[in-house]
C-alpha atoms as a PDB file:
ATOM      1  CA  MET A   1      28.020   1.081 136.506  1.00  0.00           C
ATOM      2  CA  TRP A   2      30.223   2.495 133.858  1.00  0.00           C
ATOM      3  CA  TYR A   3      33.133   0.796 135.131  1.00  0.00           C
ATOM      4  CA  GLN A   4      31.833  -2.971 134.879  1.00  0.00           C
ATOM      5  CA  HIS A   5      32.768  -4.937 131.905  1.00  0.00           C
ATOM      6  CA  VAL A   6      29.452  -6.339 130.539  1.00  0.00           C
ATOM      7  CA  PHE A   7      29.327  -8.350 127.466  1.00  0.00           C
ATOM      8  CA  SER A   8      26.902  -7.396 124.567  1.00  0.00           C
ATOM      9  CA  ARG A   9      25.114 -10.830 124.769  1.00  0.00           C
ATOM     10  CA  LYS A  10      24.363  -9.875 128.466  1.00  0.00           C
ATOM     11  CA  MET A  11      23.143  -6.187 127.606  1.00  0.00           C
ATOM     12  CA  ARG A  12      21.025  -7.501 124.570  1.00  0.00           C
ATOM     13  CA  GLN A  13      19.424 -10.079 127.303  1.00  0.00           C
ATOM     14  CA  ILE A  14      18.763  -7.274 129.621  1.00  0.00           C
ATOM     15  CA  THR A  15      17.168  -4.934 127.307  1.00  0.00           C
ATOM     16  CA  GLU A  16      15.555  -7.441 125.167  1.00  0.00           C
ATOM     17  CA  GLN A  17      17.235  -6.018 121.926  1.00  0.00           C
ATOM     18  CA  PRO A  18      18.158  -8.171 118.822  1.00  0.00           C
ATOM     19  CA  PRO A  19      21.499  -8.349 117.601  1.00  0.00           C
ATOM     20  CA  LEU A  20      22.665  -5.486 115.410  1.00  0.00           C
ATOM     21  CA  THR A  21      23.144  -7.552 112.349  1.00  0.00           C
ATOM     22  CA  LEU A  22      19.471  -8.795 112.494  1.00  0.00           C
ATOM     23  CA  ILE A  23      18.358  -5.098 112.575  1.00  0.00           C
ATOM     24  CA  ILE A  24      20.835  -4.453 109.251  1.00  0.00           C
ATOM     25  CA  GLN A  25      19.271  -7.468 107.687  1.00  0.00           C
ATOM     26  CA  LYS A  26      15.818  -6.319 108.161  1.00  0.00           C
ATOM     27  CA  ARG A  27      16.297  -2.876 106.940  1.00  0.00           C
ATOM     28  CA  GLY A  28      18.190  -3.936 103.885  1.00  0.00           C
ATOM     29  CA  LEU A  29      15.380  -6.047 103.174  1.00  0.00           C
ATOM     30  CA  MET A  30      12.867  -3.333 103.763  1.00  0.00           C
ATOM     31  CA  LEU A  31      14.730  -1.104 101.554  1.00  0.00           C
ATOM     32  CA  PHE A  32      14.930  -3.705  98.877  1.00  0.00           C
ATOM     33  CA  GLY A  33      11.213  -3.896  99.029  1.00  0.00           C
ATOM     34  CA  HIS A  34      10.873  -0.150  98.650  1.00  0.00           C
ATOM     35  CA  LEU A  35      12.988  -0.070  95.553  1.00  0.00           C
ATOM     36  CA  ALA A  36      11.368  -2.947  93.989  1.00  0.00           C
ATOM     37  CA  ARG A  37       7.773  -1.266  94.335  1.00  0.00           C
ATOM     38  CA  MET A  38       9.087   1.811  92.690  1.00  0.00           C
ATOM     39  CA  ASP A  39       8.529   2.740  89.034  1.00  0.00           C
ATOM     40  CA  GLU A  40      10.979   1.105  86.822  1.00  0.00           C
ATOM     41  CA  SER A  41      11.960   4.524  85.189  1.00  0.00           C
ATOM     42  CA  THR A  42      13.061   5.972  88.557  1.00  0.00           C
ATOM     43  CA  CYS A  43      17.041   6.464  88.802  1.00  0.00           C
ATOM     44  CA  ALA A  44      17.192   4.321  91.963  1.00  0.00           C
ATOM     45  CA  THR A  45      15.500   1.226  90.378  1.00  0.00           C
ATOM     46  CA  ARG A  46      17.740   1.722  87.083  1.00  0.00           C
ATOM     47  CA  ILE A  47      20.849   1.797  89.392  1.00  0.00           C
ATOM     48  CA  LEU A  48      19.582  -1.413  91.386  1.00  0.00           C
ATOM     49  CA  THR A  49      19.331  -3.147  88.068  1.00  0.00           C
ATOM     50  CA  ALA A  50      22.362  -1.735  86.109  1.00  0.00           C
ATOM     51  CA  VAL A  51      25.313  -3.991  85.298  1.00  0.00           C
ATOM     52  CA  PRO A  52      28.679  -2.164  85.845  1.00  0.00           C
ATOM     53  CA  HIS A  53      31.179  -2.427  82.925  1.00  0.00           C
ATOM     54  CA  SER A  54      33.561  -5.413  82.951  1.00  0.00           C
ATOM     55  CA  ASP A  55      36.672  -3.001  83.418  1.00  0.00           C
ATOM     56  CA  TRP A  56      34.910  -1.100  86.243  1.00  0.00           C
ATOM     57  CA  LYS A  57      36.779  -1.294  89.703  1.00  0.00           C
ATOM     58  CA  ARG A  58      35.853  -0.195  93.161  1.00  0.00           C
ATOM     59  CA  LEU A  59      37.839   2.746  94.510  1.00  0.00           C
ATOM     60  CA  THR A  60      40.727   1.832  97.180  1.00  0.00           C
ATOM     61  CA  GLY A  61      39.162   1.567 100.568  1.00  0.00           C
ATOM     62  CA  ARG A  62      35.650   0.729  99.316  1.00  0.00           C
ATOM     63  CA  PRO A  63      33.854  -2.323 100.444  1.00  0.00           C
ATOM     64  CA  HIS A  64      34.128  -5.504  98.332  1.00  0.00           C
ATOM     65  CA  THR A  65      30.648  -6.523  98.878  1.00  0.00           C
ATOM     66  CA  SER A  66      27.991  -4.298  97.582  1.00  0.00           C
ATOM     67  CA  TRP A  67      24.512  -3.524  99.122  1.00  0.00           C
ATOM     68  CA  LEU A  68      22.744  -5.709  96.495  1.00  0.00           C
ATOM     69  CA  SER A  69      25.235  -8.481  97.256  1.00  0.00           C
ATOM     70  CA  ALA A  70      24.462  -8.571 100.585  1.00  0.00           C
ATOM     71  CA  VAL A  71      20.714  -8.616 100.173  1.00  0.00           C
ATOM     72  CA  LYS A  72      20.994 -11.528  97.670  1.00  0.00           C
ATOM     73  CA  ASN A  73      22.952 -13.219 100.646  1.00  0.00           C
ATOM     74  CA  TYR A  74      20.036 -12.512 102.994  1.00  0.00           C
ATOM     75  CA  LEU A  75      17.523 -13.882 100.382  1.00  0.00           C
ATOM     76  CA  SER A  76      19.499 -16.991  99.721  1.00  0.00           C
ATOM     77  CA  PHE A  77      19.488 -17.987 103.434  1.00  0.00           C
ATOM     78  CA  ASN A  78      15.711 -18.026 102.774  1.00  0.00           C
ATOM     79  CA  ASN A  79      15.870 -19.872  99.513  1.00  0.00           C
ATOM     80  CA  LEU A  80      14.517 -16.826  97.464  1.00  0.00           C
ATOM     81  CA  SER A  81      15.648 -15.452  94.274  1.00  0.00           C
ATOM     82  CA  VAL A  82      15.885 -11.746  93.590  1.00  0.00           C
ATOM     83  CA  GLU A  83      13.344 -12.053  91.091  1.00  0.00           C
ATOM     84  CA  ASP A  84      10.936 -13.984  93.603  1.00  0.00           C
ATOM     85  CA  ALA A  85      11.696 -11.410  96.096  1.00  0.00           C
ATOM     86  CA  THR A  86      10.692  -8.562  93.732  1.00  0.00           C
ATOM     87  CA  GLU A  87       7.340 -10.178  93.132  1.00  0.00           C
ATOM     88  CA  LEU A  88       6.773 -10.736  96.834  1.00  0.00           C
ATOM     89  CA  ALA A  89       7.821  -7.067  97.558  1.00  0.00           C
ATOM     90  CA  LEU A  90       4.702  -5.893  95.407  1.00  0.00           C
ATOM     91  CA  ASP A  91       2.523  -6.595  98.110  1.00  0.00           C
ATOM     92  CA  ARG A  92       3.823  -4.299 100.963  1.00  0.00           C
ATOM     93  CA  LEU A  93       2.032  -5.901 103.940  1.00  0.00           C
ATOM     94  CA  LEU A  94       3.250  -9.633 103.144  1.00  0.00           C
ATOM     95  CA  TRP A  95       6.863  -8.038 102.379  1.00  0.00           C
ATOM     96  CA  ARG A  96       6.962  -6.600 105.689  1.00  0.00           C
ATOM     97  CA  LEU A  97       6.027  -9.582 107.479  1.00  0.00           C
ATOM     98  CA  LEU A  98       8.560 -11.608 105.577  1.00  0.00           C
ATOM     99  CA  ALA A  99      11.145  -9.077 105.899  1.00  0.00           C
ATOM    100  CA  ALA A 100      10.757  -9.123 109.824  1.00  0.00           C
ATOM    101  CA  SER A 101      10.392 -12.759 110.069  1.00  0.00           C
ATOM    102  CA  ARG A 102      13.100 -13.898 107.508  1.00  0.00           C
ATOM    103  CA  ALA A 103      15.978 -11.671 109.084  1.00  0.00           C
ATOM    104  CA  MET A 104      16.978 -14.648 111.234  1.00  0.00           C
ATOM    105  CA  TYR A 105      20.499 -15.229 110.261  1.00  0.00           C
END
């Protein structure tokens, strides 16, 4: 019934869907693994590892947190550094399992 007010928590319980934040974290970790397995000469990998100039600022209205900062935050909850995660991501099956199980926070 469209006119009834139902909380998101109740709808997730009924539909057995995980919270949206967990889906976003899992997909972010999966994308990180994909980029970590790419050849180092590709543009995506170079952009991922690039360090912006010290005088660089984000445009007005853009998020303060970058995608890589969010991934680092997900990894820190699981006591992993970016370097450790990059090594783990080389094994695709292992990384899929870790990304699915570690996206808990």
